[in-house]
Structure formats: C-alpha cells, structure tokens
C-alpha cells in the first residue's frame, strides 16, 4: 500500500510539471484559447495584457496549486477536516494570491471570478476551495475556518471524585 501512495505522489508531480510545461509552450495561444473556451473576446482584444497575466498565472500555478489539484482534489484527499465554516469574502486571496488571469476587481479590495458561471470552471481547483486547513493558511483566507473537533473522553462514574 505505501508503494502505491509513493507511486501516486511521483505521478502527480510528473503530471503537474508536464501540465505547467505545456502551458509555457502554449503561452502565445492561451489568450485565444481562453477567448474561445470562455466566450469572452476581451482576452484576444487585450492580447498583450492577457499574455502578461497568463504568464503570472502560470508562475502562480507552478507554486503548488496544480500539484494540490492532482494529489488532493482529483486524488480525493482522505484527511479532509470534519467541518469548515465561513463564506467567501471576495478578497481574491484564494485566486492564486490575486494572480489568477480570470480574477476581476469589482470594488475596493473586492474581486470576482470572470469565468465563475462557465461549465469549464468546475474542472479547476477553484471549486474545491477550501479543502483543508492548509488551503486556508496558504492563502491567508479571512472568510473560512476549520472547526477542530474536541475528543470526548468518557470517564466511568465510579472514578469521579465527589
């Protein structure tokens, strides 16, 4: 069993680097692909701006989110905490620390996902946030907290001193 977990870990790492490598190779085409996939012409109209943001986005992805998706989300992480409470405050932190190419500013320090309603978004890491305490800590998320379960210790009534 530990061999399978190790193999999955190495496979996830290899797939993550292969994916990031493909994104760098496709970089000049990514604004066009994003315009077609998400039916938003602004990615082609603002080609150079989008290209710069795509490069920042890919760099942010290489810092761990792709690996997290392959290991934990697609790999169906088993050590998910019992309960996560809170709600999105639209701070943008979880969007690659505000480096997501699709993130759009709406007001002072408020952001929204430019592709939130796209059916393709469900294949991304975004829909799983937050999956664990690590997710919340990584992005310093102000809207969610992990509820720690306190263990119940049963004591026989005869052992309780009066």
Protein backbone atom coordinates (compact mmCIF):
# COMPACT_ATOMS: atom_id res chain seq x y z
CA UNK A 1 0.00 0.00 0.00
CA UNK A 2 2.76 2.58 0.79
CA UNK A 3 4.29 1.81 -2.61
CA UNK A 4 1.02 2.77 -4.32
CA UNK A 5 0.91 6.07 -2.41
CA UNK A 6 4.52 6.82 -3.38
CA UNK A 7 3.79 6.00 -6.99
CA UNK A 8 0.73 8.27 -6.96
CA UNK A 9 2.83 11.06 -5.45
CA UNK A 10 5.51 10.78 -8.15
CA UNK A 11 2.87 10.52 -10.86
CA UNK A 12 1.13 13.65 -9.56
CA UNK A 13 4.47 15.53 -9.55
CA UNK A 14 5.27 14.40 -13.10
CA UNK A 15 1.81 15.34 -14.37
CA UNK A 16 1.96 18.72 -12.65
CA UNK A 17 5.30 19.60 -14.27
CA UNK A 18 4.13 18.29 -17.65
CA UNK A 19 1.00 20.44 -17.42
CA UNK A 20 2.99 23.55 -16.44
CA UNK A 21 5.44 22.85 -19.28
CA UNK A 22 2.59 22.58 -21.78
CA UNK A 23 1.17 25.89 -20.58
CA UNK A 24 4.53 27.61 -21.17
CA UNK A 25 4.72 26.08 -24.66
CA UNK A 26 1.18 27.19 -25.47
CA UNK A 27 1.59 30.64 -23.89
CA UNK A 28 1.24 32.64 -27.15
CA UNK A 29 -2.03 30.82 -27.91
CA UNK A 30 -3.55 30.95 -24.41
CA UNK A 31 -5.40 34.29 -24.84
CA UNK A 32 -7.07 32.94 -27.98
CA UNK A 33 -7.90 29.62 -26.32
CA UNK A 34 -9.32 31.42 -23.28
CA UNK A 35 -11.47 33.64 -25.52
CA UNK A 36 -12.89 30.61 -27.31
CA UNK A 37 -13.31 28.42 -24.23
CA UNK A 38 -14.95 31.09 -22.07
CA UNK A 39 -16.62 33.05 -24.88
CA UNK A 40 -15.05 36.33 -23.80
CA UNK A 41 -13.46 38.37 -26.57
CA UNK A 42 -11.59 40.61 -24.14
CA UNK A 43 -8.78 38.04 -23.83
CA UNK A 44 -7.95 38.48 -27.55
CA UNK A 45 -8.81 42.18 -27.74
CA UNK A 46 -6.40 42.81 -24.85
CA UNK A 47 -3.91 40.20 -26.12
CA UNK A 48 -0.68 41.65 -24.64
CA UNK A 49 -2.29 42.39 -21.28
CA UNK A 50 -3.81 38.90 -21.16
CA UNK A 51 -0.50 37.33 -22.21
CA UNK A 52 1.31 39.09 -19.35
CA UNK A 53 -1.40 38.00 -16.89
CA UNK A 54 -1.24 34.42 -18.26
CA UNK A 55 2.49 34.31 -17.56
CA UNK A 56 1.90 35.49 -13.97
CA UNK A 57 -0.93 32.93 -13.68
CA UNK A 58 1.30 30.06 -14.85
CA UNK A 59 4.05 31.07 -12.42
CA UNK A 60 1.50 31.07 -9.59
CA UNK A 61 0.20 27.64 -10.68
CA UNK A 62 3.73 26.23 -10.55
CA UNK A 63 3.95 27.14 -6.85
CA UNK A 64 1.68 24.27 -5.85
CA UNK A 65 -1.97 24.59 -6.92
CA UNK A 66 -1.62 22.16 -9.85
CA UNK A 67 0.04 19.58 -7.62
CA UNK A 68 -2.63 20.18 -4.96
CA UNK A 69 -5.33 19.55 -7.56
CA UNK A 70 -3.74 16.33 -8.81
CA UNK A 71 -2.96 14.94 -5.35
CA UNK A 72 -5.84 16.15 -3.22
CA UNK A 73 -8.80 17.14 -5.38
CA UNK A 74 -8.54 14.64 -8.25
CA UNK A 75 -6.89 12.14 -5.90
CA UNK A 76 -9.77 12.51 -3.45
CA UNK A 77 -7.94 13.53 -0.31
CA UNK A 78 -8.99 11.46 2.68
CA UNK A 79 -7.84 13.65 5.56
CA UNK A 80 -10.40 16.39 5.00
CA UNK A 81 -11.35 18.09 8.28
CA UNK A 82 -14.70 17.36 9.82
CA UNK A 83 -16.06 20.82 9.15
CA UNK A 84 -15.04 24.08 7.53
CA UNK A 85 -17.15 27.11 8.36
CA UNK A 86 -17.42 30.52 6.80
CA UNK A 87 -18.14 32.12 3.49
CA UNK A 88 -16.30 33.84 0.69
CA UNK A 89 -15.39 37.45 1.44
CA UNK A 90 -14.35 38.09 -2.18
CA UNK A 91 -10.82 39.02 -1.07
CA UNK A 92 -9.18 37.26 -4.03
CA UNK A 93 -6.53 35.57 -1.90
CA UNK A 94 -7.55 32.06 -2.94
CA UNK A 95 -7.31 33.08 -6.60
CA UNK A 96 -3.58 32.41 -6.70
CA UNK A 97 -3.00 35.31 -4.29
CA UNK A 98 -4.83 37.65 -6.69
CA UNK A 99 -2.70 36.44 -9.63
CA UNK A 100 -5.42 34.50 -11.46
CA UNK A 101 -5.83 35.72 -15.02
CA UNK A 102 -9.62 35.46 -14.71
CA UNK A 103 -9.93 37.45 -11.47
CA UNK A 104 -11.69 40.78 -11.89
CA UNK A 105 -11.73 43.64 -9.40
CA UNK A 106 -15.25 44.86 -8.60
CA UNK A 107 -14.73 47.35 -5.76
CA UNK A 108 -12.16 48.36 -3.18
CA UNK A 109 -10.47 45.08 -2.26
CA UNK A 110 -13.40 43.04 -3.64
CA UNK A 111 -12.95 40.60 -6.51
CA UNK A 112 -15.00 38.17 -8.55
CA UNK A 113 -14.23 35.31 -10.88
CA UNK A 114 -14.59 36.32 -14.52
CA UNK A 115 -15.42 32.72 -15.51
CA UNK A 116 -17.47 31.76 -12.46
CA UNK A 117 -20.51 30.68 -14.49
CA UNK A 118 -18.57 28.71 -17.08
CA UNK A 119 -19.16 24.94 -17.04
CA UNK A 120 -15.40 24.50 -17.61
CA UNK A 121 -14.62 26.11 -14.24
CA UNK A 122 -15.78 23.01 -12.41
CA UNK A 123 -12.69 21.19 -13.70
CA UNK A 124 -10.45 23.67 -11.93
CA UNK A 125 -9.01 23.82 -8.46
CA UNK A 126 -11.29 26.75 -7.66
CA UNK A 127 -14.43 24.79 -6.89
CA UNK A 128 -12.70 22.80 -4.17
CA UNK A 129 -11.54 25.75 -2.06
CA UNK A 130 -11.11 25.37 0.85
CA UNK A 131 -10.41 21.67 1.06
CA UNK A 132 -8.29 21.73 4.21
CA UNK A 133 -6.66 23.92 6.84
CA UNK A 134 -3.61 24.04 4.57
CA UNK A 135 -5.70 25.77 1.87
CA UNK A 136 -6.95 28.37 4.34
CA UNK A 137 -3.46 29.03 5.72
CA UNK A 138 -1.74 29.08 2.29
CA UNK A 139 -3.90 31.96 1.08
CA UNK A 140 -4.49 33.63 4.47
CA UNK A 141 -8.21 33.33 3.86
CA UNK A 142 -10.18 35.64 6.15
CA UNK A 143 -13.57 34.03 5.42
CA UNK A 144 -13.13 30.37 6.37
CA UNK A 145 -12.04 28.50 9.49
CA UNK A 146 -11.56 24.83 10.28
CA UNK A 147 -13.66 23.57 13.15
CA UNK A 148 -11.49 21.39 15.33
CA UNK A 149 -13.33 18.53 16.90
CA UNK A 150 -12.64 18.13 20.60
CA UNK A 151 -12.24 14.49 21.57
CA UNK A 152 -14.72 13.16 24.09
CA UNK A 153 -13.14 11.31 26.99
CA UNK A 154 -15.51 9.04 28.79
CA UNK A 155 -14.85 8.56 32.47
CA UNK A 156 -16.60 5.85 34.44
CA UNK A 157 -18.89 7.49 37.06
CA UNK A 158 -17.25 5.47 39.84
CA UNK A 159 -13.93 7.19 39.10
CA UNK A 160 -15.31 10.70 39.53
CA UNK A 161 -14.44 12.06 42.97
CA UNK A 162 -17.19 13.83 44.84
